[in-house]
C-alpha atoms as a PDB file:
ATOM      1  CA  MET A   1      -2.941  -8.595 -19.080  1.00  0.00           C
ATOM      2  CA  GLY A   2      -3.064 -10.678 -15.904  1.00  0.00           C
ATOM      3  CA  ASN A   3      -2.538  -8.877 -12.623  1.00  0.00           C
ATOM      4  CA  ARG A   4      -1.313  -5.604 -14.087  1.00  0.00           C
ATOM      5  CA  MET A   5      -2.732  -2.522 -12.450  1.00  0.00           C
ATOM      6  CA  PRO A   6      -4.356   0.159 -14.605  1.00  0.00           C
ATOM      7  CA  LYS A   7      -2.191   3.107 -15.598  1.00  0.00           C
ATOM      8  CA  THR A   8      -2.451   5.800 -12.941  1.00  0.00           C
ATOM      9  CA  GLY A   9      -1.249   8.733 -15.028  1.00  0.00           C
ATOM     10  CA  ASP A  10       1.603  11.091 -14.266  1.00  0.00           C
ATOM     11  CA  SER A  11       1.519  11.232 -10.486  1.00  0.00           C
ATOM     12  CA  ALA A  12       4.171  10.969  -7.791  1.00  0.00           C
ATOM     13  CA  ASN A  13       2.812   7.508  -6.899  1.00  0.00           C
ATOM     14  CA  ASN A  14       3.650   5.681 -10.094  1.00  0.00           C
ATOM     15  CA  GLU A  15       5.967   2.853  -8.950  1.00  0.00           C
ATOM     16  CA  ILE A  16       4.532  -0.607  -8.388  1.00  0.00           C
ATOM     17  CA  PHE A  17       5.757  -2.616  -5.409  1.00  0.00           C
ATOM     18  CA  THR A  18       4.740  -6.258  -4.996  1.00  0.00           C
ATOM     19  CA  MET A  19       5.079  -7.979  -1.634  1.00  0.00           C
ATOM     20  CA  ARG A  20       4.038 -11.438  -0.495  1.00  0.00           C
ATOM     21  CA  ILE A  21       2.362 -11.499   2.905  1.00  0.00           C
ATOM     22  CA  SER A  22       0.179 -13.986   4.711  1.00  0.00           C
ATOM     23  CA  LYS A  23      -3.599 -13.692   4.612  1.00  0.00           C
ATOM     24  CA  LYS A  24      -3.489 -12.879   8.328  1.00  0.00           C
ATOM     25  CA  LEU A  25      -1.136  -9.925   7.763  1.00  0.00           C
ATOM     26  CA  LYS A  26      -3.145  -8.761   4.756  1.00  0.00           C
ATOM     27  CA  ASP A  27      -6.309  -8.786   6.862  1.00  0.00           C
ATOM     28  CA  LYS A  28      -4.527  -6.811   9.607  1.00  0.00           C
ATOM     29  CA  LEU A  29      -3.289  -4.274   7.047  1.00  0.00           C
ATOM     30  CA  ASN A  30      -6.750  -3.863   5.553  1.00  0.00           C
ATOM     31  CA  GLU A  31      -8.333  -3.485   8.995  1.00  0.00           C
ATOM     32  CA  LEU A  32      -5.787  -0.860  10.030  1.00  0.00           C
ATOM     33  CA  ALA A  33      -6.296   1.016   6.770  1.00  0.00           C
ATOM     34  CA  LYS A  34     -10.056   0.910   7.254  1.00  0.00           C
ATOM     35  CA  ARG A  35      -9.753   2.282  10.820  1.00  0.00           C
ATOM     36  CA  LYS A  36      -7.608   5.150   9.538  1.00  0.00           C
ATOM     37  CA  ASN A  37      -9.907   5.709   6.534  1.00  0.00           C
ATOM     38  CA  LYS A  38      -7.034   5.142   4.089  1.00  0.00           C
ATOM     39  CA  SER A  39      -6.147   2.652   1.393  1.00  0.00           C
ATOM     40  CA  SER A  40      -3.650  -0.053   2.256  1.00  0.00           C
ATOM     41  CA  SER A  41      -1.230   1.449  -0.288  1.00  0.00           C
ATOM     42  CA  GLU A  42      -1.503   4.872   1.323  1.00  0.00           C
ATOM     43  CA  LEU A  43      -0.930   3.364   4.752  1.00  0.00           C
ATOM     44  CA  ILE A  44       2.204   1.514   3.587  1.00  0.00           C
ATOM     45  CA  ARG A  45       3.564   4.716   2.011  1.00  0.00           C
ATOM     46  CA  GLU A  46       3.033   6.559   5.311  1.00  0.00           C
ATOM     47  CA  LEU A  47       4.693   3.770   7.318  1.00  0.00           C
ATOM     48  CA  ILE A  48       7.747   3.854   5.033  1.00  0.00           C
ATOM     49  CA  GLU A  49       7.979   7.650   5.267  1.00  0.00           C
ATOM     50  CA  SER A  50       7.635   7.521   9.035  1.00  0.00           C
ATOM     51  CA  ALA A  51      10.302   4.825   9.407  1.00  0.00           C
ATOM     52  CA  SER A  52      12.721   6.719   7.157  1.00  0.00           C
ATOM     53  CA  ARG A  53      12.723   9.658   9.599  1.00  0.00           C
ATOM     54  CA  TRP A  54      14.305   7.582  12.389  1.00  0.00           C
END
């Protein structure tokens, strides 16, 4: 199956988004997520929601 993610069930978070970023940005994202005690996916969702309120 390659890089396919496991099925997550019937939740509100069921779309898959793929983005290419540098290792440096990935490390920064993971560090920020760790400091906020969140997953990187959760952090990205929150950033998108926050930006959409502007």
